[in-house]
């Protein structure tokens, strides 16, 4: 009886951890709006609401929610090129 209860409890805890929502791990602050020029360049099927400029590479990235995990992907044009900001000289 004890062994059966322990297995059931373990299973519930493991499955509960799998269903946790970690999509907002970057913080609760709102992202700045995406410039209209960038939105016009972006290919369809990308989440523009989560797009942001990453200062390390001066490129725009967005959160892609896949079936297994949520990850940052580069925002791309229709031709597949990443959308980046030119650095001032």
PDB file of N, CA and C in Angstrom:
ATOM      1  N   UNK A   1       0.815  -1.195   0.000  1.00  0.00           N
ATOM      2  CA  UNK A   1       0.000   0.000   0.000  1.00  0.00           C
ATOM      3  C   UNK A   1       0.861   1.263   0.000  1.00  0.00           C
ATOM      4  N   UNK A   2       1.891   1.281   0.857  1.00  0.00           N
ATOM      5  CA  UNK A   2       2.772   2.444   0.937  1.00  0.00           C
ATOM      6  C   UNK A   2       3.531   2.638  -0.373  1.00  0.00           C
ATOM      7  N   UNK A   3       3.995   1.552  -0.956  1.00  0.00           N
ATOM      8  CA  UNK A   3       4.752   1.623  -2.211  1.00  0.00           C
ATOM      9  C   UNK A   3       3.876   2.182  -3.334  1.00  0.00           C
ATOM     10  N   UNK A   4       2.627   1.737  -3.371  1.00  0.00           N
ATOM     11  CA  UNK A   4       1.699   2.193  -4.398  1.00  0.00           C
ATOM     12  C   UNK A   4       1.423   3.697  -4.248  1.00  0.00           C
ATOM     13  N   UNK A   5       1.238   4.174  -3.027  1.00  0.00           N
ATOM     14  CA  UNK A   5       0.993   5.592  -2.776  1.00  0.00           C
ATOM     15  C   UNK A   5       2.206   6.439  -3.150  1.00  0.00           C
ATOM     16  N   UNK A   6       3.400   5.929  -2.862  1.00  0.00           N
ATOM     17  CA  UNK A   6       4.624   6.655  -3.199  1.00  0.00           C
ATOM     18  C   UNK A   6       4.777   6.780  -4.710  1.00  0.00           C
ATOM     19  N   UNK A   7       4.486   5.740  -5.437  1.00  0.00           N
ATOM     20  CA  UNK A   7       4.580   5.776  -6.909  1.00  0.00           C
ATOM     21  C   UNK A   7       3.557   6.755  -7.473  1.00  0.00           C
ATOM     22  N   UNK A   8       2.344   6.715  -6.955  1.00  0.00           N
ATOM     23  CA  UNK A   8       1.302   7.622  -7.428  1.00  0.00           C
ATOM     24  C   UNK A   8       1.668   9.074  -7.137  1.00  0.00           C
ATOM     25  N   UNK A   9       2.170   9.360  -5.950  1.00  0.00           N
ATOM     26  CA  UNK A   9       2.569  10.708  -5.593  1.00  0.00           C
ATOM     27  C   UNK A   9       3.722  11.195  -6.470  1.00  0.00           C
ATOM     28  N   UNK A  10       4.690  10.333  -6.723  1.00  0.00           N
ATOM     29  CA  UNK A  10       5.829  10.688  -7.587  1.00  0.00           C
ATOM     30  C   UNK A  10       5.357  11.018  -8.995  1.00  0.00           C
ATOM     31  N   UNK A  11       4.456  10.208  -9.511  1.00  0.00           N
ATOM     32  CA  UNK A  11       3.941  10.430 -10.862  1.00  0.00           C
ATOM     33  C   UNK A  11       3.209  11.766 -10.956  1.00  0.00           C
ATOM     34  N   UNK A  12       2.389  12.067  -9.971  1.00  0.00           N
ATOM     35  CA  UNK A  12       1.647  13.328  -9.977  1.00  0.00           C
ATOM     36  C   UNK A  12       2.602  14.514  -9.904  1.00  0.00           C
ATOM     37  N   UNK A  13       3.632  14.438  -9.072  1.00  0.00           N
ATOM     38  CA  UNK A  13       4.595  15.531  -8.970  1.00  0.00           C
ATOM     39  C   UNK A  13       5.366  15.739 -10.271  1.00  0.00           C
ATOM     40  N   UNK A  14       5.792  14.658 -10.901  1.00  0.00           N
ATOM     41  CA  UNK A  14       6.544  14.767 -12.156  1.00  0.00           C
ATOM     42  C   UNK A  14       5.663  15.357 -13.253  1.00  0.00           C
ATOM     43  N   UNK A  15       4.446  14.870 -13.373  1.00  0.00           N
ATOM     44  CA  UNK A  15       3.558  15.405 -14.404  1.00  0.00           C
ATOM     45  C   UNK A  15       3.152  16.841 -14.116  1.00  0.00           C
ATOM     46  N   UNK A  16       3.027  17.192 -12.858  1.00  0.00           N
ATOM     47  CA  UNK A  16       2.722  18.581 -12.498  1.00  0.00           C
ATOM     48  C   UNK A  16       3.843  19.523 -12.879  1.00  0.00           C
ATOM     49  N   UNK A  17       5.087  19.076 -12.724  1.00  0.00           N
ATOM     50  CA  UNK A  17       6.237  19.897 -13.106  1.00  0.00           C
ATOM     51  C   UNK A  17       6.287  20.095 -14.609  1.00  0.00           C
ATOM     52  N   UNK A  18       5.833  19.117 -15.367  1.00  0.00           N
ATOM     53  CA  UNK A  18       5.840  19.233 -16.831  1.00  0.00           C
ATOM     54  C   UNK A  18       4.821  20.246 -17.328  1.00  0.00           C
ATOM     55  N   UNK A  19       3.778  20.467 -16.570  1.00  0.00           N
ATOM     56  CA  UNK A  19       2.733  21.368 -17.036  1.00  0.00           C
ATOM     57  C   UNK A  19       2.917  22.795 -16.547  1.00  0.00           C
ATOM     58  N   UNK A  20       3.984  23.086 -15.829  1.00  0.00           N
ATOM     59  CA  UNK A  20       4.210  24.444 -15.329  1.00  0.00           C
ATOM     60  C   UNK A  20       4.454  25.400 -16.485  1.00  0.00           C
ATOM     61  N   UNK A  21       4.032  26.644 -16.327  1.00  0.00           N
ATOM     62  CA  UNK A  21       4.177  27.657 -17.368  1.00  0.00           C
ATOM     63  C   UNK A  21       5.386  28.529 -17.055  1.00  0.00           C
ATOM     64  N   UNK A  22       6.458  28.331 -17.820  1.00  0.00           N
ATOM     65  CA  UNK A  22       7.674  29.097 -17.621  1.00  0.00           C
ATOM     66  C   UNK A  22       7.882  30.117 -18.738  1.00  0.00           C
ATOM     67  N   UNK A  23       6.841  30.457 -19.473  1.00  0.00           N
ATOM     68  CA  UNK A  23       6.981  31.321 -20.638  1.00  0.00           C
ATOM     69  C   UNK A  23       7.331  32.759 -20.288  1.00  0.00           C
ATOM     70  N   UNK A  24       7.054  33.196 -19.066  1.00  0.00           N
ATOM     71  CA  UNK A  24       7.342  34.576 -18.696  1.00  0.00           C
ATOM     72  C   UNK A  24       8.540  34.647 -17.760  1.00  0.00           C
ATOM     73  N   UNK A  25       9.602  33.893 -18.065  1.00  0.00           N
ATOM     74  CA  UNK A  25      10.761  33.846 -17.192  1.00  0.00           C
ATOM     75  C   UNK A  25      11.647  35.085 -17.335  1.00  0.00           C
ATOM     76  N   UNK A  26      11.413  35.913 -18.325  1.00  0.00           N
ATOM     77  CA  UNK A  26      12.227  37.103 -18.541  1.00  0.00           C
ATOM     78  C   UNK A  26      11.799  38.265 -17.664  1.00  0.00           C
ATOM     79  N   UNK A  27      10.709  38.143 -16.941  1.00  0.00           N
ATOM     80  CA  UNK A  27      10.227  39.231 -16.104  1.00  0.00           C
ATOM     81  C   UNK A  27       8.826  39.629 -16.522  1.00  0.00           C
ATOM     82  N   UNK A  28       8.191  40.415 -15.684  1.00  0.00           N
ATOM     83  CA  UNK A  28       6.807  40.772 -15.959  1.00  0.00           C
ATOM     84  C   UNK A  28       6.671  42.144 -16.624  1.00  0.00           C
ATOM     85  N   UNK A  29       7.777  42.827 -16.860  1.00  0.00           N
ATOM     86  CA  UNK A  29       7.688  44.148 -17.475  1.00  0.00           C
ATOM     87  C   UNK A  29       7.290  44.026 -18.952  1.00  0.00           C
ATOM     88  N   UNK A  30       6.566  45.034 -19.428  1.00  0.00           N
ATOM     89  CA  UNK A  30       6.096  45.031 -20.803  1.00  0.00           C
ATOM     90  C   UNK A  30       7.252  45.339 -21.754  1.00  0.00           C
ATOM     91  N   UNK A  31       7.214  44.699 -22.900  1.00  0.00           N
ATOM     92  CA  UNK A  31       8.240  44.949 -23.918  1.00  0.00           C
ATOM     93  C   UNK A  31       7.918  46.237 -24.659  1.00  0.00           C
ATOM     94  N   UNK A  32       8.959  46.967 -25.092  1.00  0.00           N
ATOM     95  CA  UNK A  32       8.692  48.169 -25.886  1.00  0.00           C
ATOM     96  C   UNK A  32       8.064  47.763 -27.219  1.00  0.00           C
ATOM     97  N   UNK A  33       7.255  48.642 -27.790  1.00  0.00           N
ATOM     98  CA  UNK A  33       6.605  48.295 -29.060  1.00  0.00           C
ATOM     99  C   UNK A  33       7.630  48.109 -30.181  1.00  0.00           C
ATOM    100  N   UNK A  34       7.321  47.198 -31.071  1.00  0.00           N
ATOM    101  CA  UNK A  34       8.178  46.906 -32.211  1.00  0.00           C
ATOM    102  C   UNK A  34       8.017  48.011 -33.253  1.00  0.00           C
ATOM    103  N   UNK A  35       9.120  48.582 -33.771  1.00  0.00           N
ATOM    104  CA  UNK A  35       8.996  49.621 -34.796  1.00  0.00           C
ATOM    105  C   UNK A  35       8.236  49.098 -36.025  1.00  0.00           C
ATOM    106  N   UNK A  36       7.468  49.978 -36.646  1.00  0.00           N
ATOM    107  CA  UNK A  36       6.657  49.592 -37.801  1.00  0.00           C
ATOM    108  C   UNK A  36       7.511  49.063 -38.952  1.00  0.00           C
ATOM    109  N   UNK A  37       8.713  49.631 -39.131  1.00  0.00           N
ATOM    110  CA  UNK A  37       9.598  49.186 -40.212  1.00  0.00           C
ATOM    111  C   UNK A  37      10.019  47.734 -40.012  1.00  0.00           C
ATOM    112  N   UNK A  38      10.285  47.372 -38.764  1.00  0.00           N
ATOM    113  CA  UNK A  38      10.696  45.996 -38.457  1.00  0.00           C
ATOM    114  C   UNK A  38       9.514  45.051 -38.662  1.00  0.00           C
ATOM    115  N   UNK A  39       8.333  45.455 -38.214  1.00  0.00           N
ATOM    116  CA  UNK A  39       7.140  44.621 -38.386  1.00  0.00           C
ATOM    117  C   UNK A  39       6.842  44.398 -39.871  1.00  0.00           C
ATOM    118  N   UNK A  40       7.100  45.401 -40.704  1.00  0.00           N
ATOM    119  CA  UNK A  40       6.850  45.267 -42.137  1.00  0.00           C
ATOM    120  C   UNK A  40       7.849  44.306 -42.788  1.00  0.00           C
ATOM    121  N   UNK A  41       9.077  44.252 -42.267  1.00  0.00           N
ATOM    122  CA  UNK A  41      10.097  43.356 -42.820  1.00  0.00           C
ATOM    123  C   UNK A  41       9.920  41.906 -42.390  1.00  0.00           C
ATOM    124  N   UNK A  42       9.304  41.680 -41.242  1.00  0.00           N
ATOM    125  CA  UNK A  42       9.241  40.344 -40.656  1.00  0.00           C
ATOM    126  C   UNK A  42       8.372  39.400 -41.474  1.00  0.00           C
ATOM    127  N   UNK A  43       8.835  38.177 -41.576  1.00  0.00           N
ATOM    128  CA  UNK A  43       8.083  37.131 -42.262  1.00  0.00           C
ATOM    129  C   UNK A  43       6.867  36.737 -41.423  1.00  0.00           C
ATOM    130  N   UNK A  44       5.845  36.158 -42.055  1.00  0.00           N
ATOM    131  CA  UNK A  44       4.673  35.722 -41.284  1.00  0.00           C
ATOM    132  C   UNK A  44       5.018  34.544 -40.363  1.00  0.00           C
ATOM    133  N   UNK A  45       4.099  34.201 -39.491  1.00  0.00           N
ATOM    134  CA  UNK A  45       4.230  33.079 -38.550  1.00  0.00           C
ATOM    135  C   UNK A  45       5.321  33.293 -37.505  1.00  0.00           C
ATOM    136  N   UNK A  46       5.595  34.549 -37.157  1.00  0.00           N
ATOM    137  CA  UNK A  46       6.512  34.871 -36.073  1.00  0.00           C
ATOM    138  C   UNK A  46       5.732  35.719 -35.078  1.00  0.00           C
ATOM    139  N   UNK A  47       5.972  35.520 -33.789  1.00  0.00           N
ATOM    140  CA  UNK A  47       5.237  36.235 -32.746  1.00  0.00           C
ATOM    141  C   UNK A  47       5.842  37.617 -32.538  1.00  0.00           C
ATOM    142  N   UNK A  48       5.302  38.610 -33.235  1.00  0.00           N
ATOM    143  CA  UNK A  48       5.832  39.968 -33.152  1.00  0.00           C
ATOM    144  C   UNK A  48       5.537  40.622 -31.807  1.00  0.00           C
ATOM    145  N   UNK A  49       4.566  40.109 -31.067  1.00  0.00           N
ATOM    146  CA  UNK A  49       4.238  40.676 -29.761  1.00  0.00           C
ATOM    147  C   UNK A  49       5.357  40.422 -28.752  1.00  0.00           C
ATOM    148  N   UNK A  50       6.160  39.384 -28.965  1.00  0.00           N
ATOM    149  CA  UNK A  50       7.250  39.068 -28.040  1.00  0.00           C
ATOM    150  C   UNK A  50       8.609  39.467 -28.589  1.00  0.00           C
ATOM    151  N   UNK A  51       8.640  40.109 -29.754  1.00  0.00           N
ATOM    152  CA  UNK A  51       9.920  40.479 -30.377  1.00  0.00           C
ATOM    153  C   UNK A  51      10.576  41.617 -29.611  1.00  0.00           C
ATOM    154  N   UNK A  52      11.902  41.522 -29.490  1.00  0.00           N
ATOM    155  CA  UNK A  52      12.666  42.558 -28.795  1.00  0.00           C
ATOM    156  C   UNK A  52      14.075  42.605 -29.365  1.00  0.00           C
ATOM    157  N   UNK A  53      14.706  43.760 -29.198  1.00  0.00           N
ATOM    158  CA  UNK A  53      16.074  43.964 -29.654  1.00  0.00           C
ATOM    159  C   UNK A  53      17.028  43.476 -28.568  1.00  0.00           C
ATOM    160  N   UNK A  54      17.927  42.577 -28.935  1.00  0.00           N
ATOM    161  CA  UNK A  54      18.920  42.054 -27.994  1.00  0.00           C
ATOM    162  C   UNK A  54      20.196  42.863 -28.178  1.00  0.00           C
ATOM    163  N   UNK A  55      20.660  43.560 -27.127  1.00  0.00           N
ATOM    164  CA  UNK A  55      21.812  44.457 -27.268  1.00  0.00           C
ATOM    165  C   UNK A  55      23.129  43.743 -27.582  1.00  0.00           C
ATOM    166  N   UNK A  56      23.267  42.471 -27.245  1.00  0.00           N
ATOM    167  CA  UNK A  56      24.527  41.762 -27.495  1.00  0.00           C
ATOM    168  C   UNK A  56      24.864  41.664 -28.978  1.00  0.00           C
ATOM    169  N   UNK A  57      23.846  41.483 -29.818  1.00  0.00           N
ATOM    170  CA  UNK A  57      24.112  41.354 -31.258  1.00  0.00           C
ATOM    171  C   UNK A  57      23.350  42.368 -32.108  1.00  0.00           C
ATOM    172  N   UNK A  58      22.566  43.257 -31.468  1.00  0.00           N
ATOM    173  CA  UNK A  58      21.759  44.268 -32.166  1.00  0.00           C
ATOM    174  C   UNK A  58      20.796  43.665 -33.181  1.00  0.00           C
ATOM    175  N   UNK A  59      20.284  42.482 -32.882  1.00  0.00           N
ATOM    176  CA  UNK A  59      19.293  41.830 -33.739  1.00  0.00           C
ATOM    177  C   UNK A  59      17.999  41.636 -32.954  1.00  0.00           C
ATOM    178  N   UNK A  60      16.898  41.528 -33.678  1.00  0.00           N
ATOM    179  CA  UNK A  60      15.600  41.287 -33.052  1.00  0.00           C
ATOM    180  C   UNK A  60      15.385  39.784 -32.896  1.00  0.00           C
ATOM    181  N   UNK A  61      14.862  39.403 -31.736  1.00  0.00           N
ATOM    182  CA  UNK A  61      14.569  38.011 -31.416  1.00  0.00           C
ATOM    183  C   UNK A  61      13.134  37.942 -30.910  1.00  0.00           C
ATOM    184  N   UNK A  62      12.488  36.796 -31.080  1.00  0.00           N
ATOM    185  CA  UNK A  62      11.129  36.611 -30.573  1.00  0.00           C
ATOM    186  C   UNK A  62      11.020  35.265 -29.870  1.00  0.00           C
ATOM    187  N   UNK A  63      10.024  35.137 -28.997  1.00  0.00           N
ATOM    188  CA  UNK A  63       9.793  33.899 -28.264  1.00  0.00           C
ATOM    189  C   UNK A  63       8.930  32.970 -29.109  1.00  0.00           C
ATOM    190  N   UNK A  64       9.460  31.799 -29.410  1.00  0.00           N
ATOM    191  CA  UNK A  64       8.725  30.783 -30.159  1.00  0.00           C
ATOM    192  C   UNK A  64       8.250  29.718 -29.177  1.00  0.00           C
ATOM    193  N   UNK A  65       6.951  29.530 -29.081  1.00  0.00           N
ATOM    194  CA  UNK A  65       6.380  28.521 -28.188  1.00  0.00           C
ATOM    195  C   UNK A  65       6.151  27.251 -28.986  1.00  0.00           C
ATOM    196  N   UNK A  66       7.081  26.319 -28.877  1.00  0.00           N
ATOM    197  CA  UNK A  66       6.967  25.039 -29.575  1.00  0.00           C
ATOM    198  C   UNK A  66       6.209  24.029 -28.742  1.00  0.00           C
ATOM    199  N   UNK A  67       6.037  22.821 -29.270  1.00  0.00           N
ATOM    200  CA  UNK A  67       5.292  21.799 -28.532  1.00  0.00           C
ATOM    201  C   UNK A  67       6.021  21.304 -27.287  1.00  0.00           C
ATOM    202  N   UNK A  68       7.343  21.439 -27.247  1.00  0.00           N
ATOM    203  CA  UNK A  68       8.117  20.936 -26.119  1.00  0.00           C
ATOM    204  C   UNK A  68       8.661  22.056 -25.247  1.00  0.00           C
ATOM    205  N   UNK A  69       9.166  23.117 -25.868  1.00  0.00           N
ATOM    206  CA  UNK A  69       9.777  24.187 -25.097  1.00  0.00           C
ATOM    207  C   UNK A  69       9.536  25.541 -25.758  1.00  0.00           C
ATOM    208  N   UNK A  70       9.751  26.592 -24.994  1.00  0.00           N
ATOM    209  CA  UNK A  70       9.681  27.958 -25.499  1.00  0.00           C
ATOM    210  C   UNK A  70      11.103  28.488 -25.563  1.00  0.00           C
ATOM    211  N   UNK A  71      11.484  29.015 -26.726  1.00  0.00           N
ATOM    212  CA  UNK A  71      12.861  29.452 -26.914  1.00  0.00           C
ATOM    213  C   UNK A  71      12.916  30.739 -27.728  1.00  0.00           C
ATOM    214  N   UNK A  72      14.008  31.471 -27.592  1.00  0.00           N
ATOM    215  CA  UNK A  72      14.221  32.676 -28.398  1.00  0.00           C
ATOM    216  C   UNK A  72      14.734  32.278 -29.776  1.00  0.00           C
ATOM    217  N   UNK A  73      14.143  32.857 -30.803  1.00  0.00           N
ATOM    218  CA  UNK A  73      14.583  32.646 -32.179  1.00  0.00           C
ATOM    219  C   UNK A  73      14.797  34.008 -32.829  1.00  0.00           C
ATOM    220  N   UNK A  74      15.730  34.096 -33.786  1.00  0.00           N
ATOM    221  CA  UNK A  74      15.935  35.381 -34.458  1.00  0.00           C
ATOM    222  C   UNK A  74      14.734  35.723 -35.338  1.00  0.00           C
ATOM    223  N   UNK A  75      14.351  36.991 -35.305  1.00  0.00           N
ATOM    224  CA  UNK A  75      13.288  37.487 -36.173  1.00  0.00           C
ATOM    225  C   UNK A  75      13.855  37.572 -37.580  1.00  0.00           C
ATOM    226  N   UNK A  76      13.163  36.994 -38.546  1.00  0.00           N
ATOM    227  CA  UNK A  76      13.701  36.900 -39.902  1.00  0.00           C
ATOM    228  C   UNK A  76      12.777  37.535 -40.925  1.00  0.00           C
ATOM    229  N   UNK A  77      13.383  37.919 -42.052  1.00  0.00           N
ATOM    230  CA  UNK A  77      12.621  38.459 -43.173  1.00  0.00           C
ATOM    231  C   UNK A  77      12.016  37.304 -43.961  1.00  0.00           C
ATOM    232  N   UNK A  78      11.269  37.641 -45.006  1.00  0.00           N
ATOM    233  CA  UNK A  78      10.672  36.619 -45.861  1.00  0.00           C
ATOM    234  C   UNK A  78      11.756  35.771 -46.533  1.00  0.00           C
ATOM    235  N   UNK A  79      12.899  36.368 -46.827  1.00  0.00           N
ATOM    236  CA  UNK A  79      14.009  35.644 -47.461  1.00  0.00           C
ATOM    237  C   UNK A  79      14.830  34.825 -46.468  1.00  0.00           C
ATOM    238  N   UNK A  80      14.558  34.971 -45.168  1.00  0.00           N
ATOM    239  CA  UNK A  80      15.269  34.195 -44.167  1.00  0.00           C
ATOM    240  C   UNK A  80      16.435  34.907 -43.507  1.00  0.00           C
ATOM    241  N   UNK A  81      16.645  36.162 -43.849  1.00  0.00           N
ATOM    242  CA  UNK A  81      17.736  36.922 -43.240  1.00  0.00           C
ATOM    243  C   UNK A  81      17.322  37.437 -41.868  1.00  0.00           C
ATOM    244  N   UNK A  82      18.230  37.450 -40.887  1.00  0.00           N
ATOM    245  CA  UNK A  82      17.887  38.006 -39.576  1.00  0.00           C
ATOM    246  C   UNK A  82      17.720  39.517 -39.681  1.00  0.00           C
ATOM    247  N   UNK A  83      16.830  40.068 -38.850  1.00  0.00           N
ATOM    248  CA  UNK A  83      16.585  41.517 -38.828  1.00  0.00           C
ATOM    249  C   UNK A  83      17.447  42.110 -37.724  1.00  0.00           C
ATOM    250  N   UNK A  84      18.430  42.900 -38.125  1.00  0.00           N
ATOM    251  CA  UNK A  84      19.372  43.509 -37.180  1.00  0.00           C
ATOM    252  C   UNK A  84      19.428  45.013 -37.394  1.00  0.00           C
ATOM    253  N   UNK A  85      19.928  45.715 -36.386  1.00  0.00           N
ATOM    254  CA  UNK A  85      20.090  47.162 -36.438  1.00  0.00           C
ATOM    255  C   UNK A  85      21.553  47.443 -36.753  1.00  0.00           C
ATOM    256  N   UNK A  86      21.784  48.344 -37.698  1.00  0.00           N
ATOM    257  CA  UNK A  86      23.140  48.723 -38.065  1.00  0.00           C
ATOM    258  C   UNK A  86      23.749  49.565 -36.946  1.00  0.00           C
ATOM    259  N   UNK A  87      24.953  49.223 -36.531  1.00  0.00           N
ATOM    260  CA  UNK A  87      25.623  49.980 -35.483  1.00  0.00           C
ATOM    261  C   UNK A  87      26.185  51.271 -36.035  1.00  0.00           C
ATOM    262  N   UNK A  88      26.062  52.353 -35.244  1.00  0.00           N
ATOM    263  CA  UNK A  88      26.602  53.646 -35.646  1.00  0.00           C
ATOM    264  C   UNK A  88      28.119  53.611 -35.536  1.00  0.00           C
ATOM    265  N   UNK A  89      28.816  54.227 -36.492  1.00  0.00           N
ATOM    266  CA  UNK A  89      30.275  54.220 -36.486  1.00  0.00           C
ATOM    267  C   UNK A  89      30.832  55.272 -35.568  1.00  0.00           C
TER     268      UNK A  89
END
